[in-house]
Amino acid sequence: MGKLTPATYQRSAQAYGSAEVHGRRTSLAWETAAPIRIQVRTVSLAGISDTTMQTWLMDTLVASAISWLSSALSVIPVASPVHADRTCANYWVFGDGSRTCQSEAAPPTCGIGADGSDQPIDPSLLNSLEVCPTSDSSSCATTAAGAGAADTDFIIYVSSIETSACAGGTLAYAASCVM
């Protein structure tokens, strides 16, 4: 796997309970911090044919990891449901430097399906996006946002499949999808 650069990541803005800017801090306002709320979504467990092992993976191993992370990490909770951003494939760029989305890119992906392909993020987790197929603003239409993931600060996608990345001595690996 090649070195990941900042341009590799897709960032999605989230709404927090206050209007303050969140960035590097020298101290944490503990009265607003809470254990991180993690939601688990299963993409594919095709790599485990034994249903007992699938149950152990999700109900014991993943559940224990989530429990430990929730007790170890405190965050300022996200105030509204968590969303991933839809992205533009092309933009209209105007003389003043402003730009408008001309066409939507393929949906963001997270996790690997049973067939080895990247899996699109569920549309219910995607933000809205205004797309203008022509430079005339009357052509614009907005794709509605999904409901998002309520009461959640972080989503983990779980896949269990055999891939070329899991060969030799590698038992498992992880990657980020949307930051």
Foldseek 3Di string as FASTA:
>chain_A
DDDDDPVNAAADDFAFPDPDDDDDDPDDPVVQKAFAFEAEAEAAALADPDVVVVCCVVVPVVVVVSVVSRVVDIDRDGPAAAAGEWAAPDWDADPVRDIAGQHTDPAFFDDAHQVRDTHHDDQLRYQKGWHANDPDPVRIDIDHHHRHHPPHDYYHYDYHHDDPVCDDPRDDDDDDGHD
